[in-house]
Amino acid sequence: MNGYNEKSHFDDEPQPGSFVRAFDAFPKSKPQYVTRTSGGGKWTVVMTVISCILLWSELARWWRGEETHTFAVEKGVSHSMQINLDIVVKMKCKDLHVNVQDAAGDRILAASRLQEDATNWGQWVDAKGVHRLGRDSQGRVVTGSGWHDEGFGEEHVHDIVAMGRKRARWAKTPRLWGAEADSCRIYGSLDLNKVQGDFHITARGHGYAEAGQHLDHSAFNFSHVISELSFGPYYPSLVNPLDRTINLAETHFYKFQYFMSVVPTIYSVQRGSGSAPAERTIFTNQYAVTEQSHEISERFVPGLFFKYDIEPILLHIEERRDGFLTFAVKIINILSGVVVACHWSFTLSEWLREVVGRRRRKQSEGVIGAKGDYDD
């Protein structure tokens, strides 16, 4: 009677045999007892926007990983080190001497261990990306800041490791196609003593006393293009400070000097946290370089001089990335926190709204034209 349904009254009671239902920690409200408000809809939109922003931020952080840089004294005893170079000098190959002399007193005739190909200077100076040391291809000073292909700053460690795992191959020398061979390409890898040394390219008959091996001074031109100069295993994809650099000699007697500080470096990528071993690791060397080039008198030896020194420290650059389960737990925690925070904010806003409404109603009591308790 009067819309009273006796069956609905008994539906609120637990059904016989439903013992587990008594332990329900998530009680539900029937749809007829739920009221949707505009305030709740606004807070739902705010909750959705905040959740999307935090979710995207956490996903980007997880994808980039966390990089750590650790310095330590290099342990163990090292004996040799590999140097990789690809240089084009604007002189004929027969007029050049390539030698290495280190602090141990050894002199290595590098020309016998490297490959020399005759080439034309015009095939290299117009190549895309060739730049002067410290400047880009447009001649602008390189500061190291600004936007790069991989974002601001250096590349990510996982990209460096992935590129380093590619098979190393030296590019072929371009064919002359009838052009004059006025330059020499010197390239390859060379094993040296892991001590301070000097790698230099000089003219025939200059720098070392050799009978009958004197080159006319008018043939000197030590303008050069450095396509590759690195230490350690050859990774063509890793970019070093002197890679793709051009320098022009203003006179016949010109001396180019590069002073390099070599730092052994390990790049590693680790999945998950804790003491889990690194999944991928490559060992290489980085170096900082300073150039001192100037014209000299005929009493000195012109040429290219690469002076390198080995630093006694080891740089370990490691990228860590949480496992998928850890990442999922963090996402759940973030979303749960947003839901709880928005729920409390909604409850507080509704309470404030109710308090303000009560004060307004009290102020309107007794005013002519105000609606009071007459309807009661």
Protein backbone atom coordinates (compact mmCIF):
# COMPACT_ATOMS: atom_id res chain seq x y z
CA MET A 1 0.00 0.00 0.00
CA ASN A 2 0.99 3.64 -0.69
CA GLY A 3 3.88 2.40 -2.81
CA TYR A 4 5.26 0.19 -0.01
CA ASN A 5 6.81 -2.97 -1.34
CA GLU A 6 7.26 -5.60 1.32
CA LYS A 7 9.60 -7.65 -0.85
CA SER A 8 12.03 -4.77 -1.22
CA HIS A 9 12.14 -4.48 2.56
CA PHE A 10 13.30 -8.06 2.96
CA ASP A 11 15.88 -7.72 0.10
CA ASP A 12 18.01 -5.61 2.42
CA GLU A 13 18.53 -8.58 4.70
CA PRO A 14 21.40 -11.03 4.04
CA GLN A 15 20.31 -14.08 2.12
CA PRO A 16 20.57 -17.37 3.98
CA GLY A 17 23.83 -19.18 3.37
CA SER A 18 25.76 -16.06 2.26
CA PHE A 19 28.27 -16.22 5.08
CA VAL A 20 31.09 -14.52 3.07
CA ARG A 21 28.88 -11.48 2.41
CA ALA A 22 29.17 -10.48 6.07
CA PHE A 23 32.89 -9.76 5.53
CA ASP A 24 32.35 -7.43 2.54
CA ALA A 25 34.71 -4.44 3.00
CA PHE A 26 33.22 -2.63 0.00
CA PRO A 27 29.54 -1.89 0.76
CA LYS A 28 27.45 -0.72 -2.18
CA SER A 29 24.66 1.81 -2.39
CA LYS A 30 21.61 1.24 -4.51
CA PRO A 31 21.25 3.55 -7.54
CA GLN A 32 18.12 5.22 -6.06
CA TYR A 33 20.21 6.33 -3.07
CA VAL A 34 22.93 7.98 -5.18
CA THR A 35 22.68 11.63 -6.21
CA ARG A 36 24.77 13.12 -9.01
CA THR A 37 25.76 16.77 -8.60
CA SER A 38 27.49 19.34 -10.82
CA GLY A 39 30.19 19.75 -8.19
CA GLY A 40 30.97 16.06 -8.27
CA GLY A 41 31.16 16.17 -12.07
CA LYS A 42 33.67 19.04 -11.99
CA TRP A 43 35.89 17.23 -9.49
CA THR A 44 35.71 14.10 -11.66
CA VAL A 45 37.01 16.10 -14.63
CA VAL A 46 39.81 17.54 -12.46
CA MET A 47 40.69 14.06 -11.23
CA THR A 48 40.84 12.72 -14.79
CA VAL A 49 43.11 15.53 -16.01
CA ILE A 50 45.50 15.22 -13.05
CA SER A 51 45.63 11.43 -13.44
CA CYS A 52 46.49 11.72 -17.15
CA ILE A 53 49.26 14.27 -16.49
CA LEU A 54 50.85 12.21 -13.72
CA LEU A 55 50.47 8.99 -15.69
CA TRP A 56 52.20 10.50 -18.73
CA SER A 57 54.97 11.97 -16.55
CA GLU A 58 55.63 8.64 -14.84
CA LEU A 59 55.59 6.80 -18.16
CA ALA A 60 58.14 9.23 -19.64
CA ARG A 61 60.37 8.93 -16.57
CA TRP A 62 60.23 5.14 -16.72
CA TRP A 63 61.00 5.12 -20.44
CA ARG A 64 64.03 7.41 -20.05
CA GLY A 65 65.34 5.56 -17.03
CA GLU A 66 67.59 7.00 -14.37
CA GLU A 67 71.22 7.69 -15.20
CA THR A 68 73.97 7.61 -12.59
CA HIS A 69 77.58 8.73 -13.06
CA THR A 70 80.21 7.12 -10.86
CA PHE A 71 83.89 8.00 -10.76
CA ALA A 72 86.48 5.61 -9.38
CA VAL A 73 90.16 4.85 -9.70
CA GLU A 74 90.65 2.39 -12.54
CA LYS A 75 91.47 -1.01 -11.12
CA GLY A 76 93.63 -3.65 -12.68
CA VAL A 77 96.72 -3.42 -14.84
CA SER A 78 96.30 -2.35 -18.46
CA HIS A 79 98.92 -2.76 -21.13
CA SER A 80 97.51 -1.74 -24.49
CA MET A 81 94.88 0.54 -25.96
CA GLN A 82 93.34 0.70 -29.41
CA ILE A 83 93.17 3.92 -31.39
CA ASN A 84 90.83 4.33 -34.36
CA LEU A 85 91.33 7.03 -36.93
CA ASP A 86 90.05 8.10 -40.32
CA ILE A 87 91.88 11.22 -41.57
CA VAL A 88 92.19 12.83 -44.98
CA VAL A 89 95.28 15.01 -45.52
CA LYS A 90 95.66 17.23 -48.58
CA MET A 91 98.95 15.63 -49.57
CA LYS A 92 99.83 12.52 -51.53
CA CYS A 93 100.27 9.31 -49.57
CA LYS A 94 103.87 8.83 -50.66
CA ASP A 95 104.75 12.22 -49.17
CA LEU A 96 103.43 11.47 -45.67
CA HIS A 97 104.88 9.65 -42.67
CA VAL A 98 102.66 8.39 -39.85
CA ASN A 99 104.36 7.55 -36.55
CA VAL A 100 103.61 7.10 -32.85
CA GLN A 101 106.03 7.76 -30.03
CA ASP A 102 105.00 7.18 -26.42
CA ALA A 103 106.34 7.68 -22.91
CA ALA A 104 107.64 4.11 -22.85
CA GLY A 105 110.16 5.06 -25.54
CA ASP A 106 108.58 2.96 -28.27
CA ARG A 107 108.32 4.30 -31.79
CA ILE A 108 105.64 2.67 -33.91
CA LEU A 109 105.60 3.02 -37.70
CA ALA A 110 101.84 3.38 -37.87
CA ALA A 111 101.79 3.70 -41.65
CA SER A 112 102.63 0.00 -41.96
CA ARG A 113 99.61 -0.96 -39.83
CA LEU A 114 97.08 1.46 -41.28
CA GLN A 115 95.50 1.64 -44.70
CA GLU A 116 96.23 4.51 -47.07
CA ASP A 117 94.04 5.33 -50.07
CA ALA A 118 94.57 8.01 -52.66
CA THR A 119 91.59 10.36 -52.90
CA ASN A 120 90.53 13.82 -54.02
CA TRP A 121 90.16 16.71 -51.57
CA GLY A 122 86.96 17.96 -53.18
CA GLN A 123 85.18 14.71 -52.30
CA TRP A 124 85.52 15.45 -48.59
CA VAL A 125 85.37 19.19 -47.95
CA ASP A 126 81.85 19.47 -49.37
CA ALA A 127 80.48 16.57 -47.32
CA LYS A 128 77.49 17.35 -45.13
CA GLY A 129 78.26 17.96 -41.49
CA VAL A 130 81.98 18.73 -41.82
CA HIS A 131 82.80 21.50 -39.36
CA ARG A 132 85.63 23.30 -37.69
CA LEU A 133 86.57 22.24 -34.19
CA GLY A 134 84.16 23.92 -31.76
CA ARG A 135 81.80 25.05 -34.54
CA ASP A 136 78.93 23.47 -36.46
CA SER A 137 78.54 23.14 -40.24
CA GLN A 138 77.24 26.74 -40.40
CA GLY A 139 80.27 28.09 -38.54
CA ARG A 140 78.38 28.77 -35.32
CA VAL A 141 80.08 28.14 -31.98
CA VAL A 142 78.98 24.86 -30.40
CA THR A 143 77.98 25.40 -26.77
CA GLY A 144 76.50 21.96 -26.05
CA SER A 145 73.16 23.44 -24.99
CA GLY A 146 69.83 23.50 -26.77
CA TRP A 147 67.69 20.86 -28.39
CA HIS A 148 69.20 17.72 -29.88
CA ASP A 149 67.63 14.72 -31.63
CA GLU A 150 67.52 12.87 -28.33
CA GLY A 151 66.36 15.86 -26.27
CA PHE A 152 68.36 18.35 -24.24
CA GLY A 153 71.90 17.34 -23.47
CA GLU A 154 73.55 14.04 -24.32
CA GLU A 155 72.00 10.96 -25.79
CA HIS A 156 70.40 8.35 -23.57
CA VAL A 157 72.60 5.50 -22.41
CA HIS A 158 70.37 2.81 -23.91
CA ASP A 159 70.72 4.51 -27.34
CA ILE A 160 74.50 4.63 -26.99
CA VAL A 161 74.66 0.96 -25.98
CA ALA A 162 72.33 -0.05 -28.81
CA MET A 163 74.43 1.83 -31.38
CA GLY A 164 77.62 0.41 -29.93
CA ARG A 165 76.44 -3.16 -30.52
CA LYS A 166 76.27 -2.64 -34.28
CA ARG A 167 78.96 -4.24 -36.38
CA ALA A 168 81.92 -1.93 -36.97
CA ARG A 169 82.90 -1.35 -40.58
CA TRP A 170 85.09 1.24 -42.22
CA ALA A 171 83.44 3.16 -45.04
CA LYS A 172 84.87 2.70 -48.51
CA THR A 173 86.95 5.43 -50.08
CA PRO A 174 85.01 7.23 -52.84
CA ARG A 175 86.14 6.49 -56.36
CA LEU A 176 88.08 9.17 -58.17
CA TRP A 177 86.15 8.91 -61.45
CA GLY A 178 88.95 10.64 -63.35
CA ALA A 179 89.67 13.26 -60.67
CA GLU A 180 93.23 13.99 -59.59
CA ALA A 181 94.44 12.14 -56.48
CA ASP A 182 95.75 15.13 -54.55
CA SER A 183 95.00 13.83 -51.03
CA CYS A 184 95.53 10.78 -48.87
CA ARG A 185 93.03 8.98 -46.68
CA ILE A 186 94.61 7.25 -43.66
CA TYR A 187 92.29 4.97 -41.72
CA GLY A 188 92.17 1.86 -39.55
CA SER A 189 92.79 0.70 -35.99
CA LEU A 190 96.07 0.53 -34.18
CA ASP A 191 97.13 -1.05 -30.85
CA LEU A 192 99.30 1.22 -28.70
CA ASN A 193 100.82 1.16 -25.25
CA LYS A 194 98.38 2.54 -22.71
CA VAL A 195 100.67 5.40 -21.71
CA GLN A 196 101.07 9.02 -22.64
CA GLY A 197 102.01 9.35 -26.28
CA ASP A 198 102.16 11.42 -29.45
CA PHE A 199 100.56 10.35 -32.71
CA HIS A 200 101.80 12.52 -35.57
CA ILE A 201 101.63 12.86 -39.32
CA THR A 202 104.58 14.66 -40.92
CA ALA A 203 106.07 15.16 -44.36
CA ARG A 204 108.61 12.82 -45.89
CA GLY A 205 112.10 13.71 -44.75
CA HIS A 206 110.94 15.95 -41.91
CA GLY A 207 110.73 14.97 -38.29
CA TYR A 208 113.04 11.96 -38.57
CA ALA A 209 116.45 11.77 -40.15
CA GLU A 210 116.11 9.65 -43.28
CA ALA A 211 118.68 9.63 -46.04
CA GLY A 212 117.43 10.67 -49.44
CA GLN A 213 113.89 11.27 -48.23
CA HIS A 214 113.40 15.04 -48.39
CA LEU A 215 110.20 16.62 -49.72
CA ASP A 216 110.15 20.06 -51.28
CA HIS A 217 108.59 22.66 -48.99
CA SER A 218 106.17 23.86 -51.65
CA ALA A 219 104.37 20.50 -51.45
CA PHE A 220 103.44 20.99 -47.79
CA ASN A 221 99.71 21.30 -47.16
CA PHE A 222 98.49 19.81 -43.91
CA SER A 223 94.85 20.79 -44.35
CA HIS A 224 92.90 17.81 -43.10
CA VAL A 225 89.49 16.32 -42.43
CA ILE A 226 89.03 14.09 -39.36
CA SER A 227 86.15 11.69 -39.86
CA GLU A 228 86.95 9.47 -36.89
CA LEU A 229 89.33 9.65 -33.96
CA SER A 230 88.53 7.48 -30.95
CA PHE A 231 90.21 5.32 -28.33
CA GLY A 232 89.23 1.79 -27.39
CA PRO A 233 87.01 -0.60 -29.38
CA TYR A 234 85.75 0.92 -32.62
CA TYR A 235 82.12 2.05 -32.36
CA PRO A 236 81.31 4.06 -35.51
CA SER A 237 78.01 5.37 -34.11
CA LEU A 238 79.58 7.02 -31.05
CA VAL A 239 80.39 10.68 -31.67
CA ASN A 240 83.69 12.05 -30.37
CA PRO A 241 84.84 15.68 -30.16
CA LEU A 242 87.10 15.50 -33.22
CA ASP A 243 84.79 13.48 -35.44
CA ARG A 244 83.86 15.17 -38.73
CA THR A 245 86.19 18.11 -38.21
CA ILE A 246 88.04 20.13 -40.86
CA ASN A 247 91.07 22.36 -40.40
CA LEU A 248 92.83 24.30 -43.16
CA ALA A 249 96.52 25.18 -43.27
CA GLU A 250 97.12 28.84 -44.09
CA THR A 251 100.77 28.38 -45.07
CA HIS A 252 103.13 25.55 -46.02
CA PHE A 253 104.73 25.54 -42.57
CA TYR A 254 101.77 25.07 -40.30
CA LYS A 255 101.59 22.97 -37.16
CA PHE A 256 98.32 21.49 -35.88
CA GLN A 257 98.39 20.30 -32.26
CA TYR A 258 95.57 18.49 -30.46
CA PHE A 259 95.95 17.81 -26.74
CA MET A 260 93.60 15.07 -25.55
CA SER A 261 92.76 13.77 -22.07
CA VAL A 262 91.40 10.24 -22.38
CA VAL A 263 88.98 8.93 -19.74
CA PRO A 264 88.07 5.19 -19.71
CA THR A 265 84.27 4.92 -19.73
CA ILE A 266 81.75 2.12 -19.22
CA TYR A 267 78.16 2.41 -20.45
CA SER A 268 75.70 -0.09 -18.99
CA VAL A 269 71.93 -0.62 -18.98
CA GLN A 270 70.22 -2.42 -16.09
CA ARG A 271 66.62 -3.54 -15.85
CA GLY A 272 65.00 -3.56 -12.44
CA SER A 273 66.38 -2.27 -9.16
CA GLY A 274 68.70 -3.73 -6.58
CA SER A 275 71.94 -5.58 -7.29
CA ALA A 276 70.83 -7.24 -10.53
CA PRO A 277 73.67 -7.48 -13.08
CA ALA A 278 73.69 -5.14 -16.06
CA GLU A 279 72.03 -6.54 -19.17
CA ARG A 280 74.14 -4.69 -21.73
CA THR A 281 77.55 -3.10 -21.28
CA ILE A 282 80.13 -1.54 -23.58
CA PHE A 283 83.61 -0.33 -22.69
CA THR A 284 85.04 2.67 -24.50
CA ASN A 285 86.92 5.90 -23.87
CA GLN A 286 85.91 9.52 -23.90
CA TYR A 287 88.27 12.42 -24.28
CA ALA A 288 88.42 16.18 -24.02
CA VAL A 289 90.50 18.04 -26.59
CA THR A 290 92.26 21.39 -26.86
CA GLU A 291 93.63 22.74 -30.14
CA GLN A 292 96.77 24.83 -30.52
CA SER A 293 97.52 25.47 -34.21
CA HIS A 294 99.75 28.17 -35.65
CA GLU A 295 102.26 29.03 -38.33
CA ILE A 296 105.86 28.06 -37.62
CA SER A 297 109.27 28.91 -39.06
CA GLU A 298 111.26 26.61 -41.32
CA ARG A 299 113.40 25.51 -38.36
CA PHE A 300 110.48 23.55 -36.90
CA VAL A 301 108.59 20.50 -38.16
CA PRO A 302 105.11 21.09 -39.62
CA GLY A 303 102.38 18.49 -39.48
CA LEU A 304 99.58 17.03 -37.38
CA PHE A 305 100.36 16.16 -33.76
CA PHE A 306 97.86 14.35 -31.56
CA LYS A 307 99.14 14.29 -27.98
CA TYR A 308 97.12 12.04 -25.69
CA ASP A 309 97.28 11.37 -21.95
CA ILE A 310 95.41 8.62 -20.06
CA GLU A 311 93.53 9.75 -16.97
CA PRO A 312 93.75 7.39 -13.94
CA ILE A 313 90.00 7.44 -13.32
CA LEU A 314 87.17 5.30 -14.60
CA LEU A 315 83.77 6.78 -15.43
CA HIS A 316 80.80 4.41 -15.12
CA ILE A 317 77.56 5.67 -16.67
CA GLU A 318 74.68 3.39 -15.77
CA GLU A 319 71.04 3.57 -16.75
CA ARG A 320 68.51 1.88 -14.47
CA ARG A 321 64.91 1.22 -15.35
CA ASP A 322 62.29 -0.29 -13.06
CA GLY A 323 60.75 -3.63 -13.99
CA PHE A 324 57.24 -3.71 -15.40
CA LEU A 325 55.72 -4.97 -12.13
CA THR A 326 57.35 -2.15 -10.16
CA PHE A 327 56.18 0.34 -12.75
CA ALA A 328 52.60 -1.01 -12.53
CA VAL A 329 52.62 -0.71 -8.72
CA LYS A 330 53.76 2.92 -8.97
CA ILE A 331 50.99 3.70 -11.46
CA ILE A 332 48.39 2.15 -9.15
CA ASN A 333 49.72 4.16 -6.20
CA ILE A 334 49.58 7.40 -8.20
CA LEU A 335 46.03 6.83 -9.40
CA SER A 336 44.88 5.77 -5.94
CA GLY A 337 46.41 8.87 -4.38
CA VAL A 338 44.71 11.11 -6.93
CA VAL A 339 41.31 9.47 -6.26
CA VAL A 340 41.65 9.84 -2.48
CA ALA A 341 42.88 13.44 -2.71
CA CYS A 342 40.05 14.45 -5.07
CA HIS A 343 37.48 12.69 -2.85
CA TRP A 344 38.62 14.62 0.21
CA SER A 345 38.69 17.85 -1.79
CA PHE A 346 35.15 17.24 -3.01
CA THR A 347 33.94 16.49 0.52
CA LEU A 348 35.60 19.64 1.87
CA SER A 349 34.16 21.80 -0.91
CA GLU A 350 30.66 20.45 -0.30
CA TRP A 351 31.01 21.12 3.43
CA LEU A 352 32.12 24.70 2.80
CA ARG A 353 29.28 25.17 0.37
CA GLU A 354 26.79 23.97 2.96
CA VAL A 355 28.24 26.25 5.67
CA VAL A 356 28.07 29.30 3.42
CA GLY A 357 24.50 28.41 2.44
CA ARG A 358 23.41 28.21 6.08
CA ARG A 359 24.84 31.65 6.88
CA ARG A 360 23.06 33.19 3.94
CA ARG A 361 19.77 31.66 4.98
CA LYS A 362 20.18 32.97 8.55
CA GLN A 363 20.93 36.47 7.28
CA SER A 364 17.82 36.42 5.09
CA GLU A 365 15.46 35.51 8.00
CA GLY A 366 13.19 38.38 9.05
CA VAL A 367 13.74 40.37 5.89
CA ILE A 368 10.55 41.55 4.12
CA GLY A 369 9.89 39.36 1.13
CA ALA A 370 12.12 36.62 2.37
CA LYS A 371 10.79 33.12 2.34
CA GLY A 372 10.59 31.70 5.86
CA ASP A 373 8.83 28.81 7.59
CA TYR A 374 5.34 29.90 6.56
CA ASP A 375 4.94 26.89 4.25
CA ASP A 376 5.39 24.57 7.20
